[in-house]
PDB file of N, CA and C in Angstrom:
ATOM      1  N   MET A   1       0.843  -1.176   0.000  1.00  0.00           N
ATOM      2  CA  MET A   1       0.000   0.000   0.000  1.00  0.00           C
ATOM      3  C   MET A   1       0.889   1.239   0.000  1.00  0.00           C
ATOM      4  N   ALA A   2       0.700   2.074  -0.977  1.00  0.00           N
ATOM      5  CA  ALA A   2       1.520   3.281  -1.082  1.00  0.00           C
ATOM      6  C   ALA A   2       1.007   4.343  -0.127  1.00  0.00           C
ATOM      7  N   SER A   3       1.918   5.154   0.348  1.00  0.00           N
ATOM      8  CA  SER A   3       1.459   6.273   1.168  1.00  0.00           C
ATOM      9  C   SER A   3       0.844   7.294   0.224  1.00  0.00           C
ATOM     10  N   PRO A   4      -0.142   8.030   0.697  1.00  0.00           N
ATOM     11  CA  PRO A   4      -0.794   8.998  -0.186  1.00  0.00           C
ATOM     12  C   PRO A   4       0.172   9.989  -0.812  1.00  0.00           C
ATOM     13  N   GLN A   5       1.258  10.309  -0.133  1.00  0.00           N
ATOM     14  CA  GLN A   5       2.206  11.280  -0.670  1.00  0.00           C
ATOM     15  C   GLN A   5       2.940  10.750  -1.903  1.00  0.00           C
ATOM     16  N   SER A   6       3.061   9.452  -2.022  1.00  0.00           N
ATOM     17  CA  SER A   6       3.835   8.889  -3.125  1.00  0.00           C
ATOM     18  C   SER A   6       2.955   8.151  -4.131  1.00  0.00           C
ATOM     19  N   ILE A   7       1.722   8.538  -4.226  1.00  0.00           N
ATOM     20  CA  ILE A   7       0.802   7.828  -5.111  1.00  0.00           C
ATOM     21  C   ILE A   7       1.153   8.096  -6.578  1.00  0.00           C
ATOM     22  N   SER A   8       1.083   7.050  -7.363  1.00  0.00           N
ATOM     23  CA  SER A   8       1.417   7.170  -8.781  1.00  0.00           C
ATOM     24  C   SER A   8       0.155   7.438  -9.598  1.00  0.00           C
ATOM     25  N   VAL A   9       0.368   7.797 -10.851  1.00  0.00           N
ATOM     26  CA  VAL A   9      -0.745   8.008 -11.775  1.00  0.00           C
ATOM     27  C   VAL A   9      -1.559   6.722 -11.881  1.00  0.00           C
ATOM     28  N   GLU A  10      -0.885   5.594 -11.999  1.00  0.00           N
ATOM     29  CA  GLU A  10      -1.593   4.308 -12.111  1.00  0.00           C
ATOM     30  C   GLU A  10      -2.429   4.010 -10.872  1.00  0.00           C
ATOM     31  N   GLN A  11      -1.862   4.284  -9.690  1.00  0.00           N
ATOM     32  CA  GLN A  11      -2.605   4.043  -8.454  1.00  0.00           C
ATOM     33  C   GLN A  11      -3.829   4.946  -8.380  1.00  0.00           C
ATOM     34  N   MET A  12      -3.687   6.200  -8.793  1.00  0.00           N
ATOM     35  CA  MET A  12      -4.822   7.123  -8.777  1.00  0.00           C
ATOM     36  C   MET A  12      -5.894   6.651  -9.749  1.00  0.00           C
ATOM     37  N   ARG A  13      -5.476   6.184 -10.922  1.00  0.00           N
ATOM     38  CA  ARG A  13      -6.452   5.640 -11.877  1.00  0.00           C
ATOM     39  C   ARG A  13      -7.212   4.471 -11.253  1.00  0.00           C
ATOM     40  N   THR A  14      -6.491   3.605 -10.560  1.00  0.00           N
ATOM     41  CA  THR A  14      -7.113   2.449  -9.903  1.00  0.00           C
ATOM     42  C   THR A  14      -8.140   2.898  -8.877  1.00  0.00           C
ATOM     43  N   ILE A  15      -7.775   3.858  -8.042  1.00  0.00           N
ATOM     44  CA  ILE A  15      -8.691   4.352  -7.005  1.00  0.00           C
ATOM     45  C   ILE A  15      -9.938   4.963  -7.649  1.00  0.00           C
ATOM     46  N   LEU A  16      -9.748   5.804  -8.654  1.00  0.00           N
ATOM     47  CA  LEU A  16     -10.883   6.449  -9.307  1.00  0.00           C
ATOM     48  C   LEU A  16     -11.797   5.417  -9.980  1.00  0.00           C
ATOM     49  N   ASN A  17     -11.198   4.406 -10.595  1.00  0.00           N
ATOM     50  CA  ASN A  17     -12.005   3.340 -11.198  1.00  0.00           C
ATOM     51  C   ASN A  17     -12.792   2.569 -10.140  1.00  0.00           C
ATOM     52  N   GLU A  18     -12.190   2.335  -8.978  1.00  0.00           N
ATOM     53  CA  GLU A  18     -12.903   1.660  -7.891  1.00  0.00           C
ATOM     54  C   GLU A  18     -14.097   2.487  -7.429  1.00  0.00           C
ATOM     55  N   VAL A  19     -13.904   3.797  -7.314  1.00  0.00           N
ATOM     56  CA  VAL A  19     -15.008   4.681  -6.915  1.00  0.00           C
ATOM     57  C   VAL A  19     -16.131   4.602  -7.949  1.00  0.00           C
ATOM     58  N   ILE A  20     -15.783   4.696  -9.222  1.00  0.00           N
ATOM     59  CA  ILE A  20     -16.784   4.641 -10.295  1.00  0.00           C
ATOM     60  C   ILE A  20     -17.507   3.295 -10.276  1.00  0.00           C
ATOM     61  N   ASN A  21     -16.763   2.212 -10.134  1.00  0.00           N
ATOM     62  CA  ASN A  21     -17.389   0.886 -10.100  1.00  0.00           C
ATOM     63  C   ASN A  21     -18.370   0.760  -8.941  1.00  0.00           C
ATOM     64  N   THR A  22     -18.026   1.332  -7.792  1.00  0.00           N
ATOM     65  CA  THR A  22     -18.927   1.296  -6.639  1.00  0.00           C
ATOM     66  C   THR A  22     -20.157   2.148  -6.906  1.00  0.00           C
ATOM     67  N   LEU A  23     -19.958   3.353  -7.442  1.00  0.00           N
ATOM     68  CA  LEU A  23     -21.079   4.242  -7.741  1.00  0.00           C
ATOM     69  C   LEU A  23     -22.054   3.604  -8.727  1.00  0.00           C
ATOM     70  N   GLU A  24     -21.516   2.827  -9.650  1.00  0.00           N
ATOM     71  CA  GLU A  24     -22.346   2.226 -10.696  1.00  0.00           C
ATOM     72  C   GLU A  24     -22.772   0.797 -10.376  1.00  0.00           C
ATOM     73  N   SER A  25     -22.399   0.306  -9.191  1.00  0.00           N
ATOM     74  CA  SER A  25     -22.789  -1.043  -8.790  1.00  0.00           C
ATOM     75  C   SER A  25     -24.281  -1.079  -8.485  1.00  0.00           C
ATOM     76  N   PRO A  26     -24.912  -2.242  -8.603  1.00  0.00           N
ATOM     77  CA  PRO A  26     -26.356  -2.337  -8.315  1.00  0.00           C
ATOM     78  C   PRO A  26     -26.721  -1.837  -6.916  1.00  0.00           C
ATOM     79  N   ASP A  27     -25.861  -2.051  -5.950  1.00  0.00           N
ATOM     80  CA  ASP A  27     -26.156  -1.625  -4.581  1.00  0.00           C
ATOM     81  C   ASP A  27     -26.295  -0.113  -4.458  1.00  0.00           C
ATOM     82  N   TYR A  28     -25.442   0.622  -5.134  1.00  0.00           N
ATOM     83  CA  TYR A  28     -25.419   2.071  -4.972  1.00  0.00           C
ATOM     84  C   TYR A  28     -26.132   2.827  -6.080  1.00  0.00           C
ATOM     85  N   ALA A  29     -26.148   2.283  -7.293  1.00  0.00           N
ATOM     86  CA  ALA A  29     -26.749   3.006  -8.418  1.00  0.00           C
ATOM     87  C   ALA A  29     -28.210   3.342  -8.152  1.00  0.00           C
ATOM     88  N   SER A  30     -28.964   2.407  -7.601  1.00  0.00           N
ATOM     89  CA  SER A  30     -30.384   2.685  -7.350  1.00  0.00           C
ATOM     90  C   SER A  30     -30.551   3.723  -6.244  1.00  0.00           C
ATOM     91  N   LYS A  31     -29.705   3.673  -5.215  1.00  0.00           N
ATOM     92  CA  LYS A  31     -29.773   4.673  -4.139  1.00  0.00           C
ATOM     93  C   LYS A  31     -29.434   6.059  -4.678  1.00  0.00           C
ATOM     94  N   LEU A  32     -28.407   6.131  -5.521  1.00  0.00           N
ATOM     95  CA  LEU A  32     -28.030   7.410  -6.118  1.00  0.00           C
ATOM     96  C   LEU A  32     -29.139   7.933  -7.028  1.00  0.00           C
ATOM     97  N   ASP A  33     -29.748   7.040  -7.809  1.00  0.00           N
ATOM     98  CA  ASP A  33     -30.842   7.448  -8.693  1.00  0.00           C
ATOM     99  C   ASP A  33     -32.006   8.011  -7.893  1.00  0.00           C
ATOM    100  N   GLU A  34     -32.331   7.367  -6.772  1.00  0.00           N
ATOM    101  CA  GLU A  34     -33.419   7.860  -5.919  1.00  0.00           C
ATOM    102  C   GLU A  34     -33.080   9.243  -5.367  1.00  0.00           C
ATOM    103  N   ALA A  35     -31.845   9.420  -4.911  1.00  0.00           N
ATOM    104  CA  ALA A  35     -31.426  10.719  -4.374  1.00  0.00           C
ATOM    105  C   ALA A  35     -31.445  11.784  -5.469  1.00  0.00           C
ATOM    106  N   LYS A  36     -30.996  11.429  -6.675  1.00  0.00           N
ATOM    107  CA  LYS A  36     -31.002  12.384  -7.791  1.00  0.00           C
ATOM    108  C   LYS A  36     -32.427  12.764  -8.159  1.00  0.00           C
ATOM    109  N   GLU A  37     -33.312  11.787  -8.153  1.00  0.00           N
ATOM    110  CA  GLU A  37     -34.710  12.064  -8.473  1.00  0.00           C
ATOM    111  C   GLU A  37     -35.319  13.006  -7.433  1.00  0.00           C
ATOM    112  N   ALA A  38     -35.009  12.775  -6.166  1.00  0.00           N
ATOM    113  CA  ALA A  38     -35.512  13.641  -5.091  1.00  0.00           C
ATOM    114  C   ALA A  38     -34.945  15.054  -5.212  1.00  0.00           C
ATOM    115  N   ALA A  39     -33.721  15.164  -5.690  1.00  0.00           N
ATOM    116  CA  ALA A  39     -33.073  16.475  -5.820  1.00  0.00           C
ATOM    117  C   ALA A  39     -33.549  17.233  -7.052  1.00  0.00           C
ATOM    118  N   GLY A  40     -34.004  16.498  -8.042  1.00  0.00           N
ATOM    119  CA  GLY A  40     -34.395  17.149  -9.286  1.00  0.00           C
ATOM    120  C   GLY A  40     -33.189  17.806  -9.922  1.00  0.00           C
ATOM    121  N   ASN A  41     -33.382  19.008 -10.425  1.00  0.00           N
ATOM    122  CA  ASN A  41     -32.271  19.730 -11.047  1.00  0.00           C
ATOM    123  C   ASN A  41     -31.828  20.889 -10.162  1.00  0.00           C
ATOM    124  N   GLU A  42     -32.085  20.755  -8.851  1.00  0.00           N
ATOM    125  CA  GLU A  42     -31.716  21.808  -7.918  1.00  0.00           C
ATOM    126  C   GLU A  42     -30.350  21.510  -7.307  1.00  0.00           C
ATOM    127  N   MET A  43     -29.408  22.399  -7.551  1.00  0.00           N
ATOM    128  CA  MET A  43     -28.035  22.195  -7.105  1.00  0.00           C
ATOM    129  C   MET A  43     -27.940  22.045  -5.584  1.00  0.00           C
ATOM    130  N   LEU A  44     -28.671  22.861  -4.840  1.00  0.00           N
ATOM    131  CA  LEU A  44     -28.609  22.780  -3.379  1.00  0.00           C
ATOM    132  C   LEU A  44     -29.058  21.408  -2.890  1.00  0.00           C
ATOM    133  N   LYS A  45     -30.143  20.903  -3.448  1.00  0.00           N
ATOM    134  CA  LYS A  45     -30.621  19.571  -3.042  1.00  0.00           C
ATOM    135  C   LYS A  45     -29.640  18.490  -3.475  1.00  0.00           C
ATOM    136  N   MET A  46     -29.015  18.682  -4.627  1.00  0.00           N
ATOM    137  CA  MET A  46     -28.014  17.721  -5.095  1.00  0.00           C
ATOM    138  C   MET A  46     -26.869  17.639  -4.089  1.00  0.00           C
ATOM    139  N   MET A  47     -26.433  18.809  -3.602  1.00  0.00           N
ATOM    140  CA  MET A  47     -25.338  18.859  -2.631  1.00  0.00           C
ATOM    141  C   MET A  47     -25.759  18.285  -1.277  1.00  0.00           C
ATOM    142  N   GLN A  48     -27.030  18.347  -0.956  1.00  0.00           N
ATOM    143  CA  GLN A  48     -27.518  17.821   0.312  1.00  0.00           C
ATOM    144  C   GLN A  48     -27.779  16.323   0.253  1.00  0.00           C
ATOM    145  N   LEU A  49     -28.243  15.831  -0.894  1.00  0.00           N
ATOM    146  CA  LEU A  49     -28.680  14.443  -0.987  1.00  0.00           C
ATOM    147  C   LEU A  49     -27.675  13.518  -1.677  1.00  0.00           C
ATOM    148  N   VAL A  50     -27.136  13.964  -2.785  1.00  0.00           N
ATOM    149  CA  VAL A  50     -26.301  13.081  -3.619  1.00  0.00           C
ATOM    150  C   VAL A  50     -24.819  13.199  -3.262  1.00  0.00           C
ATOM    151  N   PHE A  51     -24.324  14.423  -3.151  1.00  0.00           N
ATOM    152  CA  PHE A  51     -22.902  14.640  -2.890  1.00  0.00           C
ATOM    153  C   PHE A  51     -22.394  13.868  -1.670  1.00  0.00           C
ATOM    154  N   PRO A  52     -23.107  13.889  -0.529  1.00  0.00           N
ATOM    155  CA  PRO A  52     -22.601  13.128   0.630  1.00  0.00           C
ATOM    156  C   PRO A  52     -22.475  11.619   0.361  1.00  0.00           C
ATOM    157  N   MET A  53     -23.357  11.081  -0.468  1.00  0.00           N
ATOM    158  CA  MET A  53     -23.262   9.655  -0.808  1.00  0.00           C
ATOM    159  C   MET A  53     -21.992   9.381  -1.603  1.00  0.00           C
ATOM    160  N   VAL A  54     -21.691  10.253  -2.549  1.00  0.00           N
ATOM    161  CA  VAL A  54     -20.489  10.089  -3.374  1.00  0.00           C
ATOM    162  C   VAL A  54     -19.240  10.222  -2.511  1.00  0.00           C
ATOM    163  N   VAL A  55     -19.224  11.221  -1.629  1.00  0.00           N
ATOM    164  CA  VAL A  55     -18.065  11.430  -0.754  1.00  0.00           C
ATOM    165  C   VAL A  55     -17.860  10.225   0.157  1.00  0.00           C
ATOM    166  N   GLN A  56     -18.938   9.660   0.682  1.00  0.00           N
ATOM    167  CA  GLN A  56     -18.814   8.492   1.560  1.00  0.00           C
ATOM    168  C   GLN A  56     -18.197   7.305   0.812  1.00  0.00           C
ATOM    169  N   ILE A  57     -18.606   7.113  -0.425  1.00  0.00           N
ATOM    170  CA  ILE A  57     -18.024   6.040  -1.244  1.00  0.00           C
ATOM    171  C   ILE A  57     -16.543   6.314  -1.492  1.00  0.00           C
ATOM    172  N   GLU A  58     -16.205   7.579  -1.765  1.00  0.00           N
ATOM    173  CA  GLU A  58     -14.800   7.938  -1.963  1.00  0.00           C
ATOM    174  C   GLU A  58     -13.996   7.662  -0.693  1.00  0.00           C
ATOM    175  N   ILE A  59     -14.532   8.051   0.454  1.00  0.00           N
ATOM    176  CA  ILE A  59     -13.813   7.837   1.721  1.00  0.00           C
ATOM    177  C   ILE A  59     -13.571   6.353   1.960  1.00  0.00           C
ATOM    178  N   GLU A  60     -14.602   5.535   1.772  1.00  0.00           N
ATOM    179  CA  GLU A  60     -14.434   4.090   1.982  1.00  0.00           C
ATOM    180  C   GLU A  60     -13.376   3.521   1.034  1.00  0.00           C
ATOM    181  N   THR A  61     -13.330   4.035  -0.191  1.00  0.00           N
ATOM    182  CA  THR A  61     -12.364   3.548  -1.179  1.00  0.00           C
ATOM    183  C   THR A  61     -10.950   4.006  -0.850  1.00  0.00           C
ATOM    184  N   ILE A  62     -10.778   5.289  -0.535  1.00  0.00           N
ATOM    185  CA  ILE A  62      -9.414   5.796  -0.316  1.00  0.00           C
ATOM    186  C   ILE A  62      -8.791   5.235   0.954  1.00  0.00           C
ATOM    187  N   LYS A  63      -9.626   4.858   1.939  1.00  0.00           N
ATOM    188  CA  LYS A  63      -9.083   4.243   3.165  1.00  0.00           C
ATOM    189  C   LYS A  63      -8.319   2.973   2.831  1.00  0.00           C
ATOM    190  N   ARG A  64      -8.798   2.243   1.836  1.00  0.00           N
ATOM    191  CA  ARG A  64      -8.126   0.991   1.440  1.00  0.00           C
ATOM    192  C   ARG A  64      -6.791   1.250   0.745  1.00  0.00           C
ATOM    193  N   HIS A  65      -6.537   2.518   0.421  1.00  0.00           N
ATOM    194  CA  HIS A  65      -5.302   2.870  -0.301  1.00  0.00           C
ATOM    195  C   HIS A  65      -4.391   3.766   0.527  1.00  0.00           C
ATOM    196  N   GLY A  66      -4.554   3.758   1.836  1.00  0.00           N
ATOM    197  CA  GLY A  66      -3.615   4.454   2.700  1.00  0.00           C
ATOM    198  C   GLY A  66      -3.998   5.862   3.118  1.00  0.00           C
ATOM    199  N   PHE A  67      -5.126   6.358   2.633  1.00  0.00           N
ATOM    200  CA  PHE A  67      -5.577   7.690   3.053  1.00  0.00           C
ATOM    201  C   PHE A  67      -6.332   7.563   4.370  1.00  0.00           C
ATOM    202  N   VAL A  68      -6.377   8.660   5.101  1.00  0.00           N
ATOM    203  CA  VAL A  68      -7.148   8.707   6.338  1.00  0.00           C
ATOM    204  C   VAL A  68      -8.621   8.808   5.955  1.00  0.00           C
ATOM    205  N   GLY A  69      -9.474   8.075   6.636  1.00  0.00           N
ATOM    206  CA  GLY A  69     -10.899   8.066   6.324  1.00  0.00           C
ATOM    207  C   GLY A  69     -11.662   9.192   6.981  1.00  0.00           C
ATOM    208  N   THR A  70     -11.161  10.408   6.828  1.00  0.00           N
ATOM    209  CA  THR A  70     -11.781  11.590   7.429  1.00  0.00           C
ATOM    210  C   THR A  70     -11.913  12.683   6.373  1.00  0.00           C
ATOM    211  N   ARG A  71     -12.420  13.808   6.811  1.00  0.00           N
ATOM    212  CA  ARG A  71     -12.527  14.967   5.927  1.00  0.00           C
ATOM    213  C   ARG A  71     -11.148  15.353   5.399  1.00  0.00           C
ATOM    214  N   GLU A  72     -10.140  15.302   6.267  1.00  0.00           N
ATOM    215  CA  GLU A  72      -8.777  15.650   5.841  1.00  0.00           C
ATOM    216  C   GLU A  72      -8.285  14.697   4.747  1.00  0.00           C
ATOM    217  N   GLY A  73      -8.637  13.420   4.872  1.00  0.00           N
ATOM    218  CA  GLY A  73      -8.237  12.441   3.870  1.00  0.00           C
ATOM    219  C   GLY A  73      -8.853  12.728   2.512  1.00  0.00           C
ATOM    220  N   ILE A  74     -10.147  13.090   2.512  1.00  0.00           N
ATOM    221  CA  ILE A  74     -10.818  13.370   1.242  1.00  0.00           C
ATOM    222  C   ILE A  74     -10.293  14.668   0.628  1.00  0.00           C
ATOM    223  N   VAL A  75      -9.951  15.640   1.470  1.00  0.00           N
ATOM    224  CA  VAL A  75      -9.363  16.892   0.961  1.00  0.00           C
ATOM    225  C   VAL A  75      -8.004  16.600   0.325  1.00  0.00           C
ATOM    226  N   GLN A  76      -7.187  15.809   1.002  1.00  0.00           N
ATOM    227  CA  GLN A  76      -5.866  15.449   0.476  1.00  0.00           C
ATOM    228  C   GLN A  76      -6.009  14.685  -0.847  1.00  0.00           C
ATOM    229  N   PHE A  77      -6.947  13.748  -0.883  1.00  0.00           N
ATOM    230  CA  PHE A  77      -7.204  12.963  -2.086  1.00  0.00           C
ATOM    231  C   PHE A  77      -7.612  13.877  -3.243  1.00  0.00           C
ATOM    232  N   THR A  78      -8.516  14.795  -2.982  1.00  0.00           N
ATOM    233  CA  THR A  78      -8.997  15.704  -4.020  1.00  0.00           C
ATOM    234  C   THR A  78      -7.879  16.612  -4.518  1.00  0.00           C
ATOM    235  N   GLN A  79      -7.021  17.076  -3.624  1.00  0.00           N
ATOM    236  CA  GLN A  79      -5.884  17.897  -4.039  1.00  0.00           C
ATOM    237  C   GLN A  79      -4.944  17.106  -4.935  1.00  0.00           C
ATOM    238  N   MET A  80      -4.743  15.843  -4.611  1.00  0.00           N
ATOM    239  CA  MET A  80      -3.872  14.997  -5.436  1.00  0.00           C
ATOM    240  C   MET A  80      -4.484  14.779  -6.817  1.00  0.00           C
ATOM    241  N   ILE A  81      -5.808  14.598  -6.860  1.00  0.00           N
ATOM    242  CA  ILE A  81      -6.473  14.447  -8.158  1.00  0.00           C
ATOM    243  C   ILE A  81      -6.222  15.687  -8.999  1.00  0.00           C
ATOM    244  N   ARG A  82      -6.420  16.843  -8.412  1.00  0.00           N
ATOM    245  CA  ARG A  82      -6.232  18.116  -9.138  1.00  0.00           C
ATOM    246  C   ARG A  82      -4.818  18.216  -9.716  1.00  0.00           C
ATOM    247  N   GLU A  83      -3.825  17.826  -8.929  1.00  0.00           N
ATOM    248  CA  GLU A  83      -2.445  17.876  -9.406  1.00  0.00           C
ATOM    249  C   GLU A  83      -2.224  16.885 -10.547  1.00  0.00           C
ATOM    250  N   LEU A  84      -2.722  15.662 -10.370  1.00  0.00           N
ATOM    251  CA  LEU A  84      -2.469  14.612 -11.351  1.00  0.00           C
ATOM    252  C   LEU A  84      -3.300  14.764 -12.619  1.00  0.00           C
ATOM    253  N   GLU A  85      -4.515  15.331 -12.507  1.00  0.00           N
ATOM    254  CA  GLU A  85      -5.340  15.430 -13.709  1.00  0.00           C
ATOM    255  C   GLU A  85      -4.783  16.441 -14.713  1.00  0.00           C
ATOM    256  N   SER A  86      -3.960  17.358 -14.241  1.00  0.00           N
ATOM    257  CA  SER A  86      -3.331  18.288 -15.178  1.00  0.00           C
ATOM    258  C   SER A  86      -2.220  17.599 -15.971  1.00  0.00           C
ATOM    259  N   MET A  87      -1.732  16.477 -15.450  1.00  0.00           N
ATOM    260  CA  MET A  87      -0.665  15.737 -16.125  1.00  0.00           C
ATOM    261  C   MET A  87      -1.172  14.503 -16.879  1.00  0.00           C
ATOM    262  N   ASP A  88      -2.401  14.063 -16.544  1.00  0.00           N
ATOM    263  CA  ASP A  88      -2.885  12.804 -17.113  1.00  0.00           C
ATOM    264  C   ASP A  88      -4.364  12.946 -17.500  1.00  0.00           C
ATOM    265  N   SER A  89      -4.637  12.840 -18.794  1.00  0.00           N
ATOM    266  CA  SER A  89      -6.006  13.038 -19.280  1.00  0.00           C
ATOM    267  C   SER A  89      -6.949  11.936 -18.805  1.00  0.00           C
ATOM    268  N   GLU A  90      -6.451  10.744 -18.559  1.00  0.00           N
ATOM    269  CA  GLU A  90      -7.301   9.658 -18.076  1.00  0.00           C
ATOM    270  C   GLU A  90      -7.795   9.950 -16.656  1.00  0.00           C
ATOM    271  N   ILE A  91      -6.942  10.490 -15.815  1.00  0.00           N
ATOM    272  CA  ILE A  91      -7.361  10.866 -14.457  1.00  0.00           C
ATOM    273  C   ILE A  91      -8.406  11.978 -14.551  1.00  0.00           C
ATOM    274  N   ALA A  92      -8.201  12.929 -15.430  1.00  0.00           N
ATOM    275  CA  ALA A  92      -9.177  14.008 -15.612  1.00  0.00           C
ATOM    276  C   ALA A  92     -10.517  13.439 -16.067  1.00  0.00           C
ATOM    277  N   ARG A  93     -10.483  12.478 -16.989  1.00  0.00           N
ATOM    278  CA  ARG A  93     -11.714  11.863 -17.496  1.00  0.00           C
ATOM    279  C   ARG A  93     -12.439  11.104 -16.390  1.00  0.00           C
ATOM    280  N   LEU A  94     -11.701  10.323 -15.605  1.00  0.00           N
ATOM    281  CA  LEU A  94     -12.302   9.544 -14.518  1.00  0.00           C
ATOM    282  C   LEU A  94     -12.887  10.458 -13.449  1.00  0.00           C
ATOM    283  N   HIS A  95     -12.169  11.515 -13.117  1.00  0.00           N
ATOM    284  CA  HIS A  95     -12.653  12.467 -12.116  1.00  0.00           C
ATOM    285  C   HIS A  95     -13.943  13.140 -12.614  1.00  0.00           C
ATOM    286  N   SER A  96     -13.976  13.456 -13.887  1.00  0.00           N
ATOM    287  CA  SER A  96     -15.170  14.049 -14.480  1.00  0.00           C
ATOM    288  C   SER A  96     -16.359  13.083 -14.396  1.00  0.00           C
ATOM    289  N   MET A  97     -16.117  11.806 -14.604  1.00  0.00           N
ATOM    290  CA  MET A  97     -17.183  10.802 -14.499  1.00  0.00           C
ATOM    291  C   MET A  97     -17.763  10.774 -13.083  1.00  0.00           C
ATOM    292  N   ILE A  98     -16.903  10.901 -12.088  1.00  0.00           N
ATOM    293  CA  ILE A  98     -17.371  10.913 -10.695  1.00  0.00           C
ATOM    294  C   ILE A  98     -18.182  12.178 -10.438  1.00  0.00           C
ATOM    295  N   ARG A  99     -17.669  13.321 -10.874  1.00  0.00           N
ATOM    296  CA  ARG A  99     -18.399  14.583 -10.675  1.00  0.00           C
ATOM    297  C   ARG A  99     -19.769  14.559 -11.343  1.00  0.00           C
ATOM    298  N   ASN A 100     -19.880  13.872 -12.472  1.00  0.00           N
ATOM    299  CA  ASN A 100     -21.158  13.800 -13.175  1.00  0.00           C
ATOM    300  C   ASN A 100     -22.237  13.120 -12.334  1.00  0.00           C
ATOM    301  N   HIS A 101     -21.840  12.370 -11.323  1.00  0.00           N
ATOM    302  CA  HIS A 101     -22.820  11.714 -10.458  1.00  0.00           C
ATOM    303  C   HIS A 101     -23.514  12.700  -9.523  1.00  0.00           C
ATOM    304  N   TYR A 102     -22.856  13.803  -9.195  1.00  0.00           N
ATOM    305  CA  TYR A 102     -23.479  14.736  -8.254  1.00  0.00           C
ATOM    306  C   TYR A 102     -23.686  16.146  -8.803  1.00  0.00           C
ATOM    307  N   LEU A 103     -23.189  16.428  -9.980  1.00  0.00           N
ATOM    308  CA  LEU A 103     -23.438  17.733 -10.578  1.00  0.00           C
ATOM    309  C   LEU A 103     -24.571  17.590 -11.589  1.00  0.00           C
ATOM    310  N   PRO A 104     -25.644  18.366 -11.437  1.00  0.00           N
ATOM    311  CA  PRO A 104     -26.745  18.243 -12.394  1.00  0.00           C
ATOM    312  C   PRO A 104     -26.308  18.695 -13.772  1.00  0.00           C
ATOM    313  N   PRO A 105     -26.930  18.147 -14.798  1.00  0.00           N
ATOM    314  CA  PRO A 105     -26.566  18.563 -16.156  1.00  0.00           C
ATOM    315  C   PRO A 105     -26.873  20.046 -16.350  1.00  0.00           C
ATOM    316  N   VAL A 106     -25.997  20.716 -17.043  1.00  0.00           N
ATOM    317  CA  VAL A 106     -26.171  22.130 -17.304  1.00  0.00           C
ATOM    318  C   VAL A 106     -26.418  22.297 -18.792  1.00  0.00           C
ATOM    319  N   SER A 107     -27.529  22.912 -19.119  1.00  0.00           N
ATOM    320  CA  SER A 107     -27.782  23.161 -20.536  1.00  0.00           C
ATOM    321  C   SER A 107     -27.354  24.583 -20.853  1.00  0.00           C
ATOM    322  N   ILE A 108     -26.564  24.695 -21.870  1.00  0.00           N
ATOM    323  CA  ILE A 108     -26.062  25.998 -22.289  1.00  0.00           C
ATOM    324  C   ILE A 108     -26.762  26.360 -23.585  1.00  0.00           C
ATOM    325  N   SER A 109     -27.464  27.438 -23.544  1.00  0.00           N
ATOM    326  CA  SER A 109     -28.201  27.884 -24.721  1.00  0.00           C
ATOM    327  C   SER A 109     -27.243  28.522 -25.713  1.00  0.00           C
ATOM    328  N   SER A 110     -27.376  28.139 -26.951  1.00  0.00           N
ATOM    329  CA  SER A 110     -26.518  28.741 -27.979  1.00  0.00           C
ATOM    330  C   SER A 110     -27.111  30.050 -28.479  1.00  0.00           C
ATOM    331  N   THR A 111     -28.284  30.411 -27.951  1.00  0.00           N
ATOM    332  CA  THR A 111     -28.915  31.655 -28.391  1.00  0.00           C
ATOM    333  C   THR A 111     -28.610  32.824 -27.456  1.00  0.00           C
ATOM    334  N   VAL A 112     -27.796  32.588 -26.446  1.00  0.00           N
ATOM    335  CA  VAL A 112     -27.462  33.656 -25.509  1.00  0.00           C
ATOM    336  C   VAL A 112     -26.581  34.681 -26.194  1.00  0.00           C
ATOM    337  N   ASP A 113     -26.938  35.953 -26.047  1.00  0.00           N
ATOM    338  CA  ASP A 113     -26.165  37.036 -26.643  1.00  0.00           C
ATOM    339  C   ASP A 113     -25.032  37.403 -25.696  1.00  0.00           C
ATOM    340  N   THR A 114     -23.799  37.140 -26.105  1.00  0.00           N
ATOM    341  CA  THR A 114     -22.637  37.413 -25.245  1.00  0.00           C
ATOM    342  C   THR A 114     -21.934  38.709 -25.637  1.00  0.00           C
ATOM    343  N   SER A 115     -22.497  39.436 -26.599  1.00  0.00           N
ATOM    344  CA  SER A 115     -21.849  40.674 -27.001  1.00  0.00           C
ATOM    345  C   SER A 115     -22.107  41.759 -25.970  1.00  0.00           C
ATOM    346  N   LEU A 116     -21.209  42.710 -25.911  1.00  0.00           N
ATOM    347  CA  LEU A 116     -21.363  43.825 -24.957  1.00  0.00           C
ATOM    348  C   LEU A 116     -21.811  45.075 -25.652  1.00  0.00           C
TER     349      LEU A 116
END
């Protein structure tokens, strides 16, 4: 088990894939779907209902890889993702997949006038 300070790109990919697999597993996918349905497209409700479920799954996963299973551990993990995703497009893609579980879809209108 690597210490969080010396985690490699491959190890981070493994951790992120484990989180995604758990989020998409039959046990959690239905719970997440129910929470998303209850939240609708309201960001505040998404952060209250869905985000904590995703964070809990992340905490349980990162504990198995040497991180502390606390708020500090998840902050450290997230900082490492930010550093590594700038160097590795696969980590950025995996992190984006996780964020898609708790960020509601945003529709951007192409008819918006951006001129000043």
